[in-house]
Amino acid sequence: MCDMHLETFEKCIHAVKSVSPTGFAAIKCTALGNPKLLERMSTTIVELRKLFLMFDKSNTGYVTREDFAEAYNKFFTGGSVDSIFDKIDVDHDGKVDYIEWTNGLPIEDLGDLIKLCREKGPLAKVHIHYHINPLLITYSLSPQGGIGCYRG
């Protein structure tokens, strides 16, 4: 689907350059993508936010190592709680805010965590499984990419 719209995308960029060589074009890249994939990604982001709020039981805007361990053991089984927390806690200050949470749990890596769920909840149901995952090469939510940014 993305390749079908590539020509339109290129025409838009060239049209702006023709009008103003230093012009700026805002193009909604998500319109170029697979709608079902984008919908699942959006829902996954919402569910990941809800999971963060469940881990942030004190409503402080961050999750401490202790809060993380308690919530993790409630919702997940197996895995190394400390190593998962350390991966997410990028600045190693002992707490994870929402930005660190989303950067530390990118959509393309959630499968490993979801396998450890005690019960399959909403996040597991919308997660983009291995058979769809190749599409994430193009549409990544990583800090290097961004929704709709090519990363390949």
N, C-alpha and C. Protein backbone atom coordinates (compact mmCIF):
# COMPACT_ATOMS: atom_id res chain seq x y z
N MET A 1 0.82 -1.18 0.00
CA MET A 1 0.00 0.00 0.00
C MET A 1 0.87 1.26 0.00
N CYS A 2 1.94 1.26 0.76
CA CYS A 2 2.80 2.44 0.85
C CYS A 2 3.40 2.79 -0.51
N ASP A 3 3.84 1.78 -1.25
CA ASP A 3 4.46 2.02 -2.55
C ASP A 3 3.47 2.60 -3.56
N MET A 4 2.19 2.27 -3.39
CA MET A 4 1.17 2.80 -4.29
C MET A 4 1.09 4.33 -4.19
N HIS A 5 1.41 4.88 -3.05
CA HIS A 5 1.29 6.31 -2.82
C HIS A 5 2.62 7.06 -2.94
N LEU A 6 3.68 6.34 -3.22
CA LEU A 6 4.99 6.95 -3.29
C LEU A 6 5.05 8.05 -4.34
N GLU A 7 4.48 7.81 -5.50
CA GLU A 7 4.50 8.81 -6.56
C GLU A 7 3.79 10.10 -6.13
N THR A 8 2.65 9.96 -5.47
CA THR A 8 1.92 11.13 -4.97
C THR A 8 2.76 11.89 -3.95
N PHE A 9 3.38 11.17 -3.07
CA PHE A 9 4.25 11.75 -2.05
C PHE A 9 5.38 12.56 -2.70
N GLU A 10 6.05 11.96 -3.69
CA GLU A 10 7.14 12.65 -4.39
C GLU A 10 6.64 13.89 -5.13
N LYS A 11 5.46 13.82 -5.74
CA LYS A 11 4.89 14.97 -6.44
C LYS A 11 4.65 16.13 -5.47
N CYS A 12 4.16 15.82 -4.30
CA CYS A 12 3.91 16.86 -3.30
C CYS A 12 5.20 17.57 -2.91
N ILE A 13 6.26 16.83 -2.71
CA ILE A 13 7.55 17.42 -2.33
C ILE A 13 8.07 18.30 -3.46
N HIS A 14 8.01 17.82 -4.69
CA HIS A 14 8.48 18.60 -5.83
C HIS A 14 7.62 19.84 -6.05
N ALA A 15 6.32 19.74 -5.80
CA ALA A 15 5.42 20.89 -5.98
C ALA A 15 5.79 22.01 -5.01
N VAL A 16 6.11 21.68 -3.79
CA VAL A 16 6.50 22.70 -2.81
C VAL A 16 7.81 23.35 -3.24
N LYS A 17 8.76 22.53 -3.70
CA LYS A 17 10.05 23.07 -4.14
C LYS A 17 9.87 24.01 -5.33
N SER A 18 8.95 23.68 -6.23
CA SER A 18 8.70 24.52 -7.41
C SER A 18 8.12 25.86 -7.02
N VAL A 19 7.27 25.88 -6.02
CA VAL A 19 6.64 27.12 -5.57
C VAL A 19 7.62 27.97 -4.78
N SER A 20 8.36 27.34 -3.90
CA SER A 20 9.30 28.06 -3.05
C SER A 20 10.47 27.13 -2.73
N PRO A 21 11.64 27.38 -3.31
CA PRO A 21 12.79 26.48 -3.09
C PRO A 21 13.14 26.28 -1.62
N THR A 22 12.80 27.25 -0.78
CA THR A 22 13.07 27.08 0.66
C THR A 22 11.79 26.80 1.43
N GLY A 23 10.75 26.40 0.70
CA GLY A 23 9.44 26.17 1.31
C GLY A 23 9.41 24.98 2.24
N PHE A 24 8.31 24.87 2.92
CA PHE A 24 8.10 23.81 3.90
C PHE A 24 6.84 23.04 3.52
N ALA A 25 6.92 21.72 3.55
CA ALA A 25 5.75 20.90 3.24
C ALA A 25 5.44 20.01 4.43
N ALA A 26 4.21 20.06 4.87
CA ALA A 26 3.74 19.15 5.92
C ALA A 26 2.87 18.10 5.25
N ILE A 27 3.35 16.88 5.25
CA ILE A 27 2.64 15.80 4.60
C ILE A 27 2.28 14.76 5.66
N LYS A 28 1.05 14.39 5.70
CA LYS A 28 0.59 13.39 6.66
C LYS A 28 1.03 12.02 6.18
N CYS A 29 2.17 11.59 6.67
CA CYS A 29 2.75 10.32 6.23
C CYS A 29 1.89 9.12 6.61
N THR A 30 1.14 9.23 7.69
CA THR A 30 0.31 8.09 8.07
C THR A 30 -0.72 7.77 7.01
N ALA A 31 -1.10 8.74 6.21
CA ALA A 31 -2.06 8.48 5.15
C ALA A 31 -1.47 7.57 4.08
N LEU A 32 -0.17 7.44 4.07
CA LEU A 32 0.50 6.58 3.09
C LEU A 32 0.60 5.14 3.57
N GLY A 33 0.31 4.90 4.84
CA GLY A 33 0.52 3.58 5.40
C GLY A 33 -0.70 2.69 5.38
N ASN A 34 -0.48 1.48 5.81
CA ASN A 34 -1.53 0.48 5.92
C ASN A 34 -2.44 0.88 7.08
N PRO A 35 -3.71 1.19 6.82
CA PRO A 35 -4.60 1.67 7.88
C PRO A 35 -4.77 0.68 9.04
N LYS A 36 -4.82 -0.60 8.75
CA LYS A 36 -4.99 -1.58 9.83
C LYS A 36 -3.75 -1.62 10.72
N LEU A 37 -2.57 -1.53 10.13
CA LEU A 37 -1.34 -1.50 10.91
C LEU A 37 -1.30 -0.25 11.77
N LEU A 38 -1.63 0.89 11.19
CA LEU A 38 -1.59 2.15 11.93
C LEU A 38 -2.61 2.15 13.07
N GLU A 39 -3.77 1.56 12.84
CA GLU A 39 -4.78 1.48 13.90
C GLU A 39 -4.29 0.60 15.05
N ARG A 40 -3.69 -0.52 14.71
CA ARG A 40 -3.16 -1.40 15.76
C ARG A 40 -2.02 -0.75 16.51
N MET A 41 -1.17 -0.01 15.80
CA MET A 41 -0.08 0.69 16.47
C MET A 41 -0.64 1.74 17.43
N SER A 42 -1.65 2.48 16.98
CA SER A 42 -2.26 3.51 17.83
C SER A 42 -2.87 2.89 19.08
N THR A 43 -3.58 1.79 18.90
CA THR A 43 -4.20 1.11 20.03
C THR A 43 -3.14 0.56 20.97
N THR A 44 -2.06 0.05 20.42
CA THR A 44 -0.96 -0.46 21.24
C THR A 44 -0.36 0.66 22.08
N ILE A 45 -0.20 1.83 21.50
CA ILE A 45 0.34 2.98 22.24
C ILE A 45 -0.59 3.34 23.40
N VAL A 46 -1.89 3.34 23.15
CA VAL A 46 -2.87 3.64 24.20
C VAL A 46 -2.77 2.60 25.32
N GLU A 47 -2.70 1.33 24.95
CA GLU A 47 -2.63 0.27 25.96
C GLU A 47 -1.31 0.30 26.72
N LEU A 48 -0.24 0.68 26.06
CA LEU A 48 1.06 0.82 26.73
C LEU A 48 0.99 1.95 27.76
N ARG A 49 0.28 3.02 27.43
CA ARG A 49 0.07 4.13 28.36
C ARG A 49 -0.74 3.66 29.57
N LYS A 50 -1.79 2.88 29.33
CA LYS A 50 -2.60 2.36 30.43
C LYS A 50 -1.76 1.46 31.34
N LEU A 51 -0.87 0.67 30.75
CA LEU A 51 0.01 -0.19 31.54
C LEU A 51 0.92 0.67 32.42
N PHE A 52 1.46 1.75 31.85
CA PHE A 52 2.30 2.66 32.64
C PHE A 52 1.51 3.18 33.83
N LEU A 53 0.28 3.60 33.60
CA LEU A 53 -0.54 4.15 34.69
C LEU A 53 -0.83 3.10 35.76
N MET A 54 -0.94 1.82 35.37
CA MET A 54 -1.14 0.75 36.36
C MET A 54 0.14 0.53 37.18
N PHE A 55 1.31 0.73 36.56
CA PHE A 55 2.57 0.59 37.28
C PHE A 55 2.81 1.80 38.18
N ASP A 56 2.32 2.96 37.79
CA ASP A 56 2.47 4.21 38.55
C ASP A 56 1.31 4.33 39.54
N LYS A 57 1.28 3.43 40.49
CA LYS A 57 0.14 3.37 41.40
C LYS A 57 0.04 4.59 42.32
N SER A 58 1.12 5.33 42.49
CA SER A 58 1.11 6.52 43.35
C SER A 58 0.73 7.79 42.59
N ASN A 59 0.52 7.66 41.28
CA ASN A 59 0.21 8.82 40.42
C ASN A 59 1.25 9.93 40.52
N THR A 60 2.52 9.54 40.51
CA THR A 60 3.60 10.52 40.61
C THR A 60 4.12 10.94 39.24
N GLY A 61 3.74 10.19 38.20
CA GLY A 61 4.26 10.48 36.88
C GLY A 61 5.52 9.67 36.57
N TYR A 62 5.91 8.83 37.51
CA TYR A 62 7.05 7.94 37.28
C TYR A 62 6.85 6.65 38.06
N VAL A 63 7.63 5.65 37.68
CA VAL A 63 7.56 4.34 38.32
C VAL A 63 8.91 4.06 38.96
N THR A 64 8.92 3.81 40.26
CA THR A 64 10.16 3.46 40.95
C THR A 64 10.48 1.99 40.71
N ARG A 65 11.68 1.60 41.03
CA ARG A 65 12.08 0.20 40.90
C ARG A 65 11.15 -0.69 41.74
N GLU A 66 10.82 -0.23 42.94
CA GLU A 66 9.95 -1.02 43.81
C GLU A 66 8.54 -1.14 43.22
N ASP A 67 7.98 -0.02 42.74
CA ASP A 67 6.66 -0.05 42.10
C ASP A 67 6.68 -0.98 40.88
N PHE A 68 7.76 -0.89 40.11
CA PHE A 68 7.89 -1.70 38.91
C PHE A 68 7.88 -3.19 39.28
N ALA A 69 8.70 -3.56 40.28
CA ALA A 69 8.80 -4.97 40.68
C ALA A 69 7.45 -5.49 41.17
N GLU A 70 6.75 -4.68 41.95
CA GLU A 70 5.45 -5.11 42.48
C GLU A 70 4.43 -5.30 41.36
N ALA A 71 4.33 -4.33 40.48
CA ALA A 71 3.36 -4.42 39.38
C ALA A 71 3.77 -5.50 38.38
N TYR A 72 5.06 -5.58 38.09
CA TYR A 72 5.54 -6.60 37.15
C TYR A 72 5.14 -7.99 37.64
N ASN A 73 5.39 -8.27 38.90
CA ASN A 73 5.06 -9.59 39.45
C ASN A 73 3.56 -9.84 39.50
N LYS A 74 2.76 -8.78 39.49
CA LYS A 74 1.31 -8.92 39.47
C LYS A 74 0.82 -9.30 38.06
N PHE A 75 1.43 -8.69 37.03
CA PHE A 75 0.95 -8.87 35.65
C PHE A 75 1.76 -9.85 34.81
N PHE A 76 3.01 -10.11 35.21
CA PHE A 76 3.90 -10.93 34.39
C PHE A 76 4.52 -12.04 35.22
N THR A 77 5.02 -13.03 34.53
CA THR A 77 5.71 -14.13 35.19
C THR A 77 7.01 -14.41 34.43
N GLY A 78 8.07 -14.71 35.15
CA GLY A 78 9.35 -14.97 34.50
C GLY A 78 10.06 -13.69 34.11
N GLY A 79 11.19 -13.85 33.48
CA GLY A 79 11.98 -12.69 33.09
C GLY A 79 12.68 -12.09 34.29
N SER A 80 13.68 -11.31 34.05
CA SER A 80 14.42 -10.66 35.13
C SER A 80 13.87 -9.26 35.33
N VAL A 81 13.18 -9.07 36.44
CA VAL A 81 12.57 -7.78 36.74
C VAL A 81 13.63 -6.67 36.73
N ASP A 82 14.76 -6.92 37.38
CA ASP A 82 15.81 -5.90 37.45
C ASP A 82 16.39 -5.56 36.08
N SER A 83 16.62 -6.56 35.24
CA SER A 83 17.20 -6.27 33.93
C SER A 83 16.21 -5.53 33.03
N ILE A 84 14.92 -5.86 33.15
CA ILE A 84 13.91 -5.15 32.36
C ILE A 84 13.83 -3.70 32.84
N PHE A 85 13.80 -3.50 34.15
CA PHE A 85 13.74 -2.13 34.68
C PHE A 85 14.98 -1.34 34.26
N ASP A 86 16.16 -1.96 34.37
CA ASP A 86 17.40 -1.27 33.99
C ASP A 86 17.41 -0.88 32.51
N LYS A 87 16.81 -1.71 31.67
CA LYS A 87 16.73 -1.38 30.24
C LYS A 87 15.85 -0.15 30.01
N ILE A 88 14.76 -0.06 30.77
CA ILE A 88 13.83 1.05 30.61
C ILE A 88 14.36 2.32 31.28
N ASP A 89 15.02 2.18 32.42
CA ASP A 89 15.53 3.33 33.19
C ASP A 89 16.85 3.80 32.57
N VAL A 90 16.74 4.49 31.47
CA VAL A 90 17.90 4.88 30.67
C VAL A 90 18.87 5.77 31.45
N ASP A 91 18.36 6.71 32.24
CA ASP A 91 19.25 7.61 32.97
C ASP A 91 19.68 7.05 34.33
N HIS A 92 19.24 5.86 34.65
CA HIS A 92 19.63 5.12 35.86
C HIS A 92 19.44 5.94 37.14
N ASP A 93 18.29 6.62 37.23
CA ASP A 93 18.00 7.39 38.44
C ASP A 93 17.05 6.64 39.38
N GLY A 94 16.73 5.38 39.03
CA GLY A 94 15.87 4.58 39.89
C GLY A 94 14.39 4.81 39.69
N LYS A 95 14.04 5.61 38.69
CA LYS A 95 12.63 5.82 38.38
C LYS A 95 12.47 6.01 36.88
N VAL A 96 11.31 5.63 36.38
CA VAL A 96 11.03 5.68 34.95
C VAL A 96 9.82 6.57 34.71
N ASP A 97 10.02 7.63 33.93
CA ASP A 97 8.87 8.46 33.56
C ASP A 97 8.28 7.91 32.26
N TYR A 98 7.22 8.55 31.79
CA TYR A 98 6.52 8.01 30.62
C TYR A 98 7.39 8.03 29.36
N ILE A 99 8.23 9.04 29.22
CA ILE A 99 9.12 9.10 28.04
C ILE A 99 10.08 7.92 28.05
N GLU A 100 10.71 7.67 29.18
CA GLU A 100 11.61 6.50 29.28
C GLU A 100 10.83 5.21 29.03
N TRP A 101 9.62 5.14 29.56
CA TRP A 101 8.76 3.96 29.40
C TRP A 101 8.54 3.65 27.92
N THR A 102 8.13 4.67 27.17
CA THR A 102 7.83 4.43 25.75
C THR A 102 9.10 4.17 24.94
N ASN A 103 10.18 4.84 25.29
CA ASN A 103 11.43 4.59 24.57
C ASN A 103 12.03 3.23 24.94
N GLY A 104 11.83 2.80 26.18
CA GLY A 104 12.38 1.53 26.65
C GLY A 104 11.55 0.32 26.27
N LEU A 105 10.30 0.57 25.88
CA LEU A 105 9.41 -0.52 25.48
C LEU A 105 8.86 -0.24 24.07
N PRO A 106 9.73 -0.22 23.07
CA PRO A 106 9.25 0.06 21.72
C PRO A 106 8.31 -1.04 21.22
N ILE A 107 7.36 -0.65 20.41
CA ILE A 107 6.35 -1.58 19.92
C ILE A 107 6.96 -2.83 19.30
N GLU A 108 8.02 -2.66 18.53
CA GLU A 108 8.59 -3.82 17.85
C GLU A 108 9.23 -4.82 18.80
N ASP A 109 9.46 -4.43 20.07
CA ASP A 109 10.05 -5.34 21.05
C ASP A 109 9.06 -5.86 22.08
N LEU A 110 7.81 -5.45 22.01
CA LEU A 110 6.83 -5.83 23.03
C LEU A 110 6.50 -7.32 23.06
N GLY A 111 6.72 -8.01 21.96
CA GLY A 111 6.39 -9.43 21.91
C GLY A 111 7.05 -10.23 23.00
N ASP A 112 8.32 -9.93 23.30
CA ASP A 112 9.04 -10.66 24.34
C ASP A 112 8.39 -10.45 25.71
N LEU A 113 7.95 -9.23 25.98
CA LEU A 113 7.31 -8.93 27.25
C LEU A 113 5.92 -9.56 27.31
N ILE A 114 5.18 -9.47 26.23
CA ILE A 114 3.81 -9.99 26.21
C ILE A 114 3.79 -11.51 26.41
N LYS A 115 4.81 -12.19 25.96
CA LYS A 115 4.89 -13.64 26.18
C LYS A 115 4.88 -13.98 27.67
N LEU A 116 5.28 -13.03 28.50
CA LEU A 116 5.38 -13.26 29.94
C LEU A 116 4.13 -12.85 30.72
N CYS A 117 3.09 -12.39 30.01
CA CYS A 117 1.84 -11.96 30.68
C CYS A 117 1.20 -13.13 31.41
N ARG A 118 0.73 -12.86 32.61
CA ARG A 118 -0.03 -13.88 33.36
C ARG A 118 -1.36 -14.15 32.67
N GLU A 119 -2.01 -13.08 32.22
CA GLU A 119 -3.26 -13.18 31.48
C GLU A 119 -3.15 -12.30 30.25
N LYS A 120 -3.74 -12.74 29.17
CA LYS A 120 -3.69 -11.96 27.94
C LYS A 120 -4.76 -10.87 27.98
N GLY A 121 -4.33 -9.65 28.24
CA GLY A 121 -5.24 -8.51 28.32
C GLY A 121 -5.26 -7.73 27.02
N PRO A 122 -5.74 -6.49 27.08
CA PRO A 122 -5.89 -5.67 25.87
C PRO A 122 -4.58 -5.46 25.10
N LEU A 123 -3.47 -5.26 25.80
CA LEU A 123 -2.20 -5.04 25.11
C LEU A 123 -1.80 -6.26 24.30
N ALA A 124 -1.95 -7.43 24.89
CA ALA A 124 -1.61 -8.66 24.17
C ALA A 124 -2.50 -8.88 22.96
N LYS A 125 -3.75 -8.45 23.06
CA LYS A 125 -4.70 -8.65 21.97
C LYS A 125 -4.43 -7.74 20.77
N VAL A 126 -3.90 -6.55 21.02
CA VAL A 126 -3.65 -5.63 19.90
C VAL A 126 -2.20 -5.65 19.45
N HIS A 127 -1.35 -6.30 20.21
CA HIS A 127 0.07 -6.31 19.86
C HIS A 127 0.29 -6.79 18.43
N ILE A 128 1.24 -6.19 17.79
CA ILE A 128 1.58 -6.53 16.41
C ILE A 128 2.50 -7.74 16.44
N HIS A 129 1.94 -8.89 16.10
CA HIS A 129 2.66 -10.15 16.21
C HIS A 129 3.68 -10.34 15.10
N TYR A 130 4.43 -11.40 15.21
CA TYR A 130 5.54 -11.67 14.31
C TYR A 130 5.16 -11.63 12.84
N HIS A 131 3.95 -12.06 12.47
CA HIS A 131 3.59 -12.10 11.05
C HIS A 131 3.33 -10.70 10.49
N ILE A 132 3.12 -9.72 11.33
CA ILE A 132 2.93 -8.35 10.87
C ILE A 132 4.21 -7.54 11.08
N ASN A 133 5.06 -8.00 11.96
CA ASN A 133 6.25 -7.26 12.37
C ASN A 133 7.13 -6.74 11.23
N PRO A 134 7.30 -7.43 10.09
CA PRO A 134 8.11 -6.88 9.02
C PRO A 134 7.65 -5.49 8.57
N LEU A 135 6.36 -5.19 8.72
CA LEU A 135 5.87 -3.87 8.35
C LEU A 135 6.46 -2.78 9.24
N LEU A 136 6.92 -3.16 10.43
CA LEU A 136 7.48 -2.17 11.35
C LEU A 136 8.87 -1.70 10.92
N ILE A 137 9.47 -2.37 9.97
CA ILE A 137 10.76 -1.89 9.46
C ILE A 137 10.57 -0.52 8.85
N THR A 138 9.44 -0.33 8.19
CA THR A 138 9.13 0.95 7.57
C THR A 138 8.50 1.92 8.54
N TYR A 139 7.57 1.44 9.36
CA TYR A 139 6.87 2.32 10.30
C TYR A 139 7.32 2.00 11.71
N SER A 140 8.23 2.79 12.20
CA SER A 140 8.81 2.55 13.51
C SER A 140 8.43 3.67 14.47
N LEU A 141 8.33 3.32 15.73
CA LEU A 141 8.06 4.32 16.75
C LEU A 141 9.31 4.59 17.59
N SER A 142 10.44 4.14 17.13
CA SER A 142 11.66 4.34 17.89
C SER A 142 12.09 5.79 17.87
N PRO A 143 12.93 6.21 18.82
CA PRO A 143 13.39 7.59 18.83
C PRO A 143 14.10 8.00 17.55
N GLN A 144 14.70 7.04 16.84
CA GLN A 144 15.38 7.35 15.59
C GLN A 144 14.41 7.56 14.44
N GLY A 145 13.20 7.01 14.59
CA GLY A 145 12.25 7.05 13.48
C GLY A 145 11.12 8.02 13.73
N GLY A 146 10.06 7.52 14.26
CA GLY A 146 8.85 8.31 14.44
C GLY A 146 7.78 7.73 13.55
N ILE A 147 6.54 7.92 13.90
CA ILE A 147 5.47 7.32 13.12
C ILE A 147 5.59 7.76 11.66
N GLY A 148 5.63 6.79 10.78
CA GLY A 148 5.65 7.09 9.34
C GLY A 148 7.02 7.42 8.80
N CYS A 149 8.03 7.36 9.62
CA CYS A 149 9.38 7.67 9.10
C CYS A 149 10.04 6.39 8.62
N TYR A 150 10.65 6.47 7.49
CA TYR A 150 11.32 5.30 6.95
C TYR A 150 12.61 5.06 7.73
N ARG A 151 12.82 3.83 8.11
CA ARG A 151 13.99 3.49 8.91
C ARG A 151 14.64 2.25 8.33
N GLY A 152 14.84 2.19 7.05
CA GLY A 152 15.37 0.94 6.51
C GLY A 152 16.44 1.12 5.52
